[in-house]
PDB file of N, CA and C in Angstrom:
ATOM      1  N   UNK A   1     118.364  33.163  77.665  1.00  0.00           N
ATOM      2  CA  UNK A   1     117.097  33.729  77.223  1.00  0.00           C
ATOM      3  C   UNK A   1     116.475  34.494  78.399  1.00  0.00           C
ATOM      4  N   UNK A   2     116.142  35.754  78.199  1.00  0.00           N
ATOM      5  CA  UNK A   2     115.575  36.535  79.312  1.00  0.00           C
ATOM      6  C   UNK A   2     114.135  36.129  79.611  1.00  0.00           C
ATOM      7  N   UNK A   3     113.762  36.329  80.851  1.00  0.00           N
ATOM      8  CA  UNK A   3     112.362  36.163  81.241  1.00  0.00           C
ATOM      9  C   UNK A   3     111.585  37.323  80.647  1.00  0.00           C
ATOM     10  N   UNK A   4     110.332  37.096  80.289  1.00  0.00           N
ATOM     11  CA  UNK A   4     109.485  38.137  79.706  1.00  0.00           C
ATOM     12  C   UNK A   4     108.349  38.484  80.653  1.00  0.00           C
ATOM     13  N   UNK A   5     108.133  39.775  80.854  1.00  0.00           N
ATOM     14  CA  UNK A   5     106.978  40.270  81.590  1.00  0.00           C
ATOM     15  C   UNK A   5     106.238  41.202  80.638  1.00  0.00           C
ATOM     16  N   UNK A   6     105.059  40.810  80.216  1.00  0.00           N
ATOM     17  CA  UNK A   6     104.253  41.649  79.318  1.00  0.00           C
ATOM     18  C   UNK A   6     103.136  42.273  80.133  1.00  0.00           C
ATOM     19  N   UNK A   7     103.356  43.511  80.544  1.00  0.00           N
ATOM     20  CA  UNK A   7     102.377  44.213  81.373  1.00  0.00           C
ATOM     21  C   UNK A   7     101.674  45.324  80.595  1.00  0.00           C
ATOM     22  N   UNK A   8     101.701  45.231  79.275  1.00  0.00           N
ATOM     23  CA  UNK A   8     101.011  46.227  78.466  1.00  0.00           C
ATOM     24  C   UNK A   8      99.517  46.130  78.708  1.00  0.00           C
ATOM     25  N   UNK A   9      98.889  47.293  78.802  1.00  0.00           N
ATOM     26  CA  UNK A   9      97.448  47.331  79.033  1.00  0.00           C
ATOM     27  C   UNK A   9      97.062  47.259  80.494  1.00  0.00           C
ATOM     28  N   UNK A  10      98.029  47.081  81.370  1.00  0.00           N
ATOM     29  CA  UNK A  10      97.755  46.989  82.801  1.00  0.00           C
ATOM     30  C   UNK A  10      98.176  48.279  83.494  1.00  0.00           C
ATOM     31  N   UNK A  11      97.454  48.645  84.533  1.00  0.00           N
ATOM     32  CA  UNK A  11      97.822  49.836  85.296  1.00  0.00           C
ATOM     33  C   UNK A  11      98.454  49.410  86.618  1.00  0.00           C
ATOM     34  N   UNK A  12      99.219  50.326  87.173  1.00  0.00           N
ATOM     35  CA  UNK A  12      99.899  50.054  88.440  1.00  0.00           C
ATOM     36  C   UNK A  12      98.875  49.839  89.540  1.00  0.00           C
ATOM     37  N   UNK A  13      99.171  48.912  90.427  1.00  0.00           N
ATOM     38  CA  UNK A  13     100.482  48.320  90.706  1.00  0.00           C
ATOM     39  C   UNK A  13     100.753  47.006  89.979  1.00  0.00           C
ATOM     40  N   UNK A  14      99.880  46.573  89.080  1.00  0.00           N
ATOM     41  CA  UNK A  14     100.040  45.255  88.462  1.00  0.00           C
ATOM     42  C   UNK A  14     101.388  45.066  87.762  1.00  0.00           C
ATOM     43  N   UNK A  15     101.886  46.007  86.936  1.00  0.00           N
ATOM     44  CA  UNK A  15     103.200  45.801  86.321  1.00  0.00           C
ATOM     45  C   UNK A  15     104.324  45.650  87.347  1.00  0.00           C
ATOM     46  N   UNK A  16     104.248  46.409  88.425  1.00  0.00           N
ATOM     47  CA  UNK A  16     105.268  46.301  89.477  1.00  0.00           C
ATOM     48  C   UNK A  16     105.203  44.928  90.136  1.00  0.00           C
ATOM     49  N   UNK A  17     104.020  44.470  90.464  1.00  0.00           N
ATOM     50  CA  UNK A  17     103.867  43.160  91.100  1.00  0.00           C
ATOM     51  C   UNK A  17     104.371  42.047  90.183  1.00  0.00           C
ATOM     52  N   UNK A  18     104.073  42.151  88.892  1.00  0.00           N
ATOM     53  CA  UNK A  18     104.548  41.150  87.935  1.00  0.00           C
ATOM     54  C   UNK A  18     106.069  41.173  87.832  1.00  0.00           C
ATOM     55  N   UNK A  19     106.652  42.363  87.867  1.00  0.00           N
ATOM     56  CA  UNK A  19     108.104  42.495  87.815  1.00  0.00           C
ATOM     57  C   UNK A  19     108.752  41.894  89.055  1.00  0.00           C
ATOM     58  N   UNK A  20     108.209  42.189  90.221  1.00  0.00           N
ATOM     59  CA  UNK A  20     108.760  41.644  91.465  1.00  0.00           C
ATOM     60  C   UNK A  20     108.661  40.126  91.491  1.00  0.00           C
ATOM     61  N   UNK A  21     107.582  39.585  90.961  1.00  0.00           N
ATOM     62  CA  UNK A  21     107.431  38.130  90.880  1.00  0.00           C
ATOM     63  C   UNK A  21     108.486  37.539  89.940  1.00  0.00           C
ATOM     64  N   UNK A  22     108.732  38.197  88.823  1.00  0.00           N
ATOM     65  CA  UNK A  22     109.752  37.718  87.885  1.00  0.00           C
ATOM     66  C   UNK A  22     111.141  37.789  88.511  1.00  0.00           C
ATOM     67  N   UNK A  23     111.406  38.840  89.274  1.00  0.00           N
ATOM     68  CA  UNK A  23     112.700  38.980  89.953  1.00  0.00           C
ATOM     69  C   UNK A  23     112.922  37.812  90.911  1.00  0.00           C
ATOM     70  N   UNK A  24     111.879  37.405  91.613  1.00  0.00           N
ATOM     71  CA  UNK A  24     112.003  36.290  92.554  1.00  0.00           C
ATOM     72  C   UNK A  24     112.308  34.977  91.847  1.00  0.00           C
ATOM     73  N   UNK A  25     111.788  34.803  90.651  1.00  0.00           N
ATOM     74  CA  UNK A  25     111.949  33.509  89.979  1.00  0.00           C
ATOM     75  C   UNK A  25     113.067  33.493  88.938  1.00  0.00           C
ATOM     76  N   UNK A  26     113.655  34.634  88.625  1.00  0.00           N
ATOM     77  CA  UNK A  26     114.608  34.701  87.520  1.00  0.00           C
ATOM     78  C   UNK A  26     116.012  34.221  87.869  1.00  0.00           C
ATOM     79  N   UNK A  27     116.352  34.174  89.141  1.00  0.00           N
ATOM     80  CA  UNK A  27     117.727  33.842  89.496  1.00  0.00           C
ATOM     81  C   UNK A  27     118.650  34.934  88.988  1.00  0.00           C
ATOM     82  N   UNK A  28     119.626  34.560  88.166  1.00  0.00           N
ATOM     83  CA  UNK A  28     120.550  35.536  87.582  1.00  0.00           C
ATOM     84  C   UNK A  28     120.225  35.848  86.125  1.00  0.00           C
ATOM     85  N   UNK A  29     119.095  35.350  85.620  1.00  0.00           N
ATOM     86  CA  UNK A  29     118.711  35.602  84.238  1.00  0.00           C
ATOM     87  C   UNK A  29     118.220  37.038  84.065  1.00  0.00           C
ATOM     88  N   UNK A  30     118.411  37.589  82.880  1.00  0.00           N
ATOM     89  CA  UNK A  30     117.880  38.900  82.557  1.00  0.00           C
ATOM     90  C   UNK A  30     116.360  38.840  82.467  1.00  0.00           C
ATOM     91  N   UNK A  31     115.737  39.995  82.622  1.00  0.00           N
ATOM     92  CA  UNK A  31     114.284  40.098  82.528  1.00  0.00           C
ATOM     93  C   UNK A  31     113.956  41.233  81.573  1.00  0.00           C
ATOM     94  N   UNK A  32     113.032  40.989  80.666  1.00  0.00           N
ATOM     95  CA  UNK A  32     112.532  42.006  79.750  1.00  0.00           C
ATOM     96  C   UNK A  32     111.102  42.336  80.166  1.00  0.00           C
ATOM     97  N   UNK A  33     110.860  43.602  80.478  1.00  0.00           N
ATOM     98  CA  UNK A  33     109.534  44.048  80.915  1.00  0.00           C
ATOM     99  C   UNK A  33     108.968  44.979  79.860  1.00  0.00           C
ATOM    100  N   UNK A  34     107.735  44.731  79.463  1.00  0.00           N
ATOM    101  CA  UNK A  34     107.077  45.575  78.471  1.00  0.00           C
ATOM    102  C   UNK A  34     105.871  46.250  79.114  1.00  0.00           C
ATOM    103  N   UNK A  35     105.848  47.570  79.032  1.00  0.00           N
ATOM    104  CA  UNK A  35     104.738  48.369  79.559  1.00  0.00           C
ATOM    105  C   UNK A  35     104.359  49.405  78.504  1.00  0.00           C
ATOM    106  N   UNK A  36     103.194  50.013  78.684  1.00  0.00           N
ATOM    107  CA  UNK A  36     102.728  50.932  77.655  1.00  0.00           C
ATOM    108  C   UNK A  36     102.374  52.325  78.180  1.00  0.00           C
ATOM    109  N   UNK A  37     102.976  52.706  79.310  1.00  0.00           N
ATOM    110  CA  UNK A  37     102.796  54.079  79.775  1.00  0.00           C
ATOM    111  C   UNK A  37     103.977  54.475  80.656  1.00  0.00           C
ATOM    112  N   UNK A  38     104.210  55.778  80.729  1.00  0.00           N
ATOM    113  CA  UNK A  38     105.397  56.271  81.429  1.00  0.00           C
ATOM    114  C   UNK A  38     105.335  56.026  82.934  1.00  0.00           C
ATOM    115  N   UNK A  39     104.146  56.056  83.520  1.00  0.00           N
ATOM    116  CA  UNK A  39     104.023  55.810  84.955  1.00  0.00           C
ATOM    117  C   UNK A  39     104.455  54.387  85.292  1.00  0.00           C
ATOM    118  N   UNK A  40     103.993  53.427  84.530  1.00  0.00           N
ATOM    119  CA  UNK A  40     104.394  52.032  84.759  1.00  0.00           C
ATOM    120  C   UNK A  40     105.890  51.867  84.532  1.00  0.00           C
ATOM    121  N   UNK A  41     106.425  52.520  83.495  1.00  0.00           N
ATOM    122  CA  UNK A  41     107.866  52.458  83.241  1.00  0.00           C
ATOM    123  C   UNK A  41     108.648  52.963  84.448  1.00  0.00           C
ATOM    124  N   UNK A  42     108.266  54.110  84.969  1.00  0.00           N
ATOM    125  CA  UNK A  42     108.974  54.677  86.125  1.00  0.00           C
ATOM    126  C   UNK A  42     108.848  53.790  87.357  1.00  0.00           C
ATOM    127  N   UNK A  43     107.650  53.281  87.621  1.00  0.00           N
ATOM    128  CA  UNK A  43     107.430  52.455  88.802  1.00  0.00           C
ATOM    129  C   UNK A  43     108.156  51.112  88.707  1.00  0.00           C
ATOM    130  N   UNK A  44     108.140  50.499  87.539  1.00  0.00           N
ATOM    131  CA  UNK A  44     108.836  49.226  87.329  1.00  0.00           C
ATOM    132  C   UNK A  44     110.343  49.431  87.476  1.00  0.00           C
ATOM    133  N   UNK A  45     110.861  50.507  86.898  1.00  0.00           N
ATOM    134  CA  UNK A  45     112.292  50.799  86.998  1.00  0.00           C
ATOM    135  C   UNK A  45     112.706  51.015  88.446  1.00  0.00           C
ATOM    136  N   UNK A  46     111.905  51.764  89.177  1.00  0.00           N
ATOM    137  CA  UNK A  46     112.202  52.032  90.592  1.00  0.00           C
ATOM    138  C   UNK A  46     112.156  50.740  91.412  1.00  0.00           C
ATOM    139  N   UNK A  47     111.172  49.905  91.160  1.00  0.00           N
ATOM    140  CA  UNK A  47     111.055  48.642  91.900  1.00  0.00           C
ATOM    141  C   UNK A  47     112.248  47.738  91.617  1.00  0.00           C
ATOM    142  N   UNK A  48     112.657  47.660  90.355  1.00  0.00           N
ATOM    143  CA  UNK A  48     113.782  46.797  89.989  1.00  0.00           C
ATOM    144  C   UNK A  48     115.078  47.285  90.628  1.00  0.00           C
ATOM    145  N   UNK A  49     115.357  48.576  90.527  1.00  0.00           N
ATOM    146  CA  UNK A  49     116.596  49.085  91.114  1.00  0.00           C
ATOM    147  C   UNK A  49     116.558  48.994  92.636  1.00  0.00           C
ATOM    148  N   UNK A  50     115.393  49.106  93.220  1.00  0.00           N
ATOM    149  CA  UNK A  50     115.253  48.956  94.660  1.00  0.00           C
ATOM    150  C   UNK A  50     115.578  47.551  95.134  1.00  0.00           C
ATOM    151  N   UNK A  51     115.439  46.590  94.246  1.00  0.00           N
ATOM    152  CA  UNK A  51     115.768  45.200  94.565  1.00  0.00           C
ATOM    153  C   UNK A  51     117.188  44.825  94.145  1.00  0.00           C
ATOM    154  N   UNK A  52     117.975  45.825  93.716  1.00  0.00           N
ATOM    155  CA  UNK A  52     119.363  45.565  93.354  1.00  0.00           C
ATOM    156  C   UNK A  52     119.585  45.194  91.902  1.00  0.00           C
ATOM    157  N   UNK A  53     118.581  45.377  91.054  1.00  0.00           N
ATOM    158  CA  UNK A  53     118.716  45.080  89.632  1.00  0.00           C
ATOM    159  C   UNK A  53     119.100  46.350  88.894  1.00  0.00           C
ATOM    160  N   UNK A  54     119.781  46.191  87.772  1.00  0.00           N
ATOM    161  CA  UNK A  54     120.244  47.313  86.974  1.00  0.00           C
ATOM    162  C   UNK A  54     119.433  47.417  85.686  1.00  0.00           C
ATOM    163  N   UNK A  55     119.158  48.648  85.288  1.00  0.00           N
ATOM    164  CA  UNK A  55     118.485  48.876  84.012  1.00  0.00           C
ATOM    165  C   UNK A  55     119.553  48.768  82.927  1.00  0.00           C
ATOM    166  N   UNK A  56     119.484  47.722  82.133  1.00  0.00           N
ATOM    167  CA  UNK A  56     120.505  47.476  81.118  1.00  0.00           C
ATOM    168  C   UNK A  56     120.188  48.204  79.818  1.00  0.00           C
ATOM    169  N   UNK A  57     118.914  48.313  79.495  1.00  0.00           N
ATOM    170  CA  UNK A  57     118.525  48.921  78.225  1.00  0.00           C
ATOM    171  C   UNK A  57     117.057  49.316  78.286  1.00  0.00           C
ATOM    172  N   UNK A  58     116.735  50.426  77.651  1.00  0.00           N
ATOM    173  CA  UNK A  58     115.341  50.863  77.528  1.00  0.00           C
ATOM    174  C   UNK A  58     115.098  51.234  76.080  1.00  0.00           C
ATOM    175  N   UNK A  59     114.060  50.667  75.500  1.00  0.00           N
ATOM    176  CA  UNK A  59     113.636  51.035  74.151  1.00  0.00           C
ATOM    177  C   UNK A  59     112.227  51.592  74.256  1.00  0.00           C
ATOM    178  N   UNK A  60     111.993  52.713  73.605  1.00  0.00           N
ATOM    179  CA  UNK A  60     110.666  53.310  73.590  1.00  0.00           C
ATOM    180  C   UNK A  60     110.225  53.445  72.142  1.00  0.00           C
ATOM    181  N   UNK A  61     109.018  52.980  71.858  1.00  0.00           N
ATOM    182  CA  UNK A  61     108.489  53.038  70.509  1.00  0.00           C
ATOM    183  C   UNK A  61     106.973  53.158  70.567  1.00  0.00           C
ATOM    184  N   UNK A  62     106.441  54.223  70.009  1.00  0.00           N
ATOM    185  CA  UNK A  62     104.988  54.436  69.949  1.00  0.00           C
ATOM    186  C   UNK A  62     104.324  54.312  71.314  1.00  0.00           C
ATOM    187  N   UNK A  63     104.932  54.890  72.348  1.00  0.00           N
ATOM    188  CA  UNK A  63     104.337  54.888  73.676  1.00  0.00           C
ATOM    189  C   UNK A  63     104.544  53.617  74.468  1.00  0.00           C
ATOM    190  N   UNK A  64     105.216  52.645  73.890  1.00  0.00           N
ATOM    191  CA  UNK A  64     105.514  51.416  74.611  1.00  0.00           C
ATOM    192  C   UNK A  64     106.977  51.415  75.022  1.00  0.00           C
ATOM    193  N   UNK A  65     107.229  50.833  76.180  1.00  0.00           N
ATOM    194  CA  UNK A  65     108.582  50.731  76.717  1.00  0.00           C
ATOM    195  C   UNK A  65     108.967  49.267  76.805  1.00  0.00           C
ATOM    196  N   UNK A  66     110.200  48.976  76.420  1.00  0.00           N
ATOM    197  CA  UNK A  66     110.780  47.647  76.589  1.00  0.00           C
ATOM    198  C   UNK A  66     112.004  47.858  77.481  1.00  0.00           C
ATOM    199  N   UNK A  67     111.915  47.354  78.703  1.00  0.00           N
ATOM    200  CA  UNK A  67     112.944  47.581  79.713  1.00  0.00           C
ATOM    201  C   UNK A  67     113.663  46.259  79.981  1.00  0.00           C
ATOM    202  N   UNK A  68     114.966  46.255  79.736  1.00  0.00           N
ATOM    203  CA  UNK A  68     115.773  45.069  80.016  1.00  0.00           C
ATOM    204  C   UNK A  68     116.520  45.320  81.316  1.00  0.00           C
ATOM    205  N   UNK A  69     116.370  44.403  82.266  1.00  0.00           N
ATOM    206  CA  UNK A  69     117.060  44.537  83.539  1.00  0.00           C
ATOM    207  C   UNK A  69     117.924  43.302  83.782  1.00  0.00           C
ATOM    208  N   UNK A  70     118.990  43.499  84.537  1.00  0.00           N
ATOM    209  CA  UNK A  70     119.783  42.341  84.952  1.00  0.00           C
ATOM    210  C   UNK A  70     120.235  42.539  86.393  1.00  0.00           C
ATOM    211  N   UNK A  71     120.527  41.436  87.014  1.00  0.00           N
ATOM    212  CA  UNK A  71     120.885  41.458  88.435  1.00  0.00           C
ATOM    213  C   UNK A  71     122.233  42.131  88.619  1.00  0.00           C
ATOM    214  N   UNK A  72     122.263  43.073  89.561  1.00  0.00           N
ATOM    215  CA  UNK A  72     123.513  43.736  89.884  1.00  0.00           C
ATOM    216  C   UNK A  72     124.359  42.855  90.769  1.00  0.00           C
ATOM    217  N   UNK A  73     125.644  42.938  90.604  1.00  0.00           N
ATOM    218  CA  UNK A  73     126.563  42.157  91.413  1.00  0.00           C
ATOM    219  C   UNK A  73     127.471  43.101  92.185  1.00  0.00           C
ATOM    220  N   UNK A  74     127.637  42.820  93.466  1.00  0.00           N
ATOM    221  CA  UNK A  74     128.484  43.671  94.310  1.00  0.00           C
ATOM    222  C   UNK A  74     129.933  43.274  94.168  1.00  0.00           C
TER     223      UNK A  74
END
């Protein structure tokens, strides 16, 4: 079961901080991040990939983004 980060309605840097906190506690579990604007989507995606996580899936619907990330393995 993936960890959930619901950052809808929040502006940056809050979604990024919530994502980084989830990355620290998730171990190898997937994380699903929900945001409601393109700036938060871009910043969350950049933060996750910067920490070695991969964007597994992105769904966009009515201005909301659902971003699934998983830990990259070398």
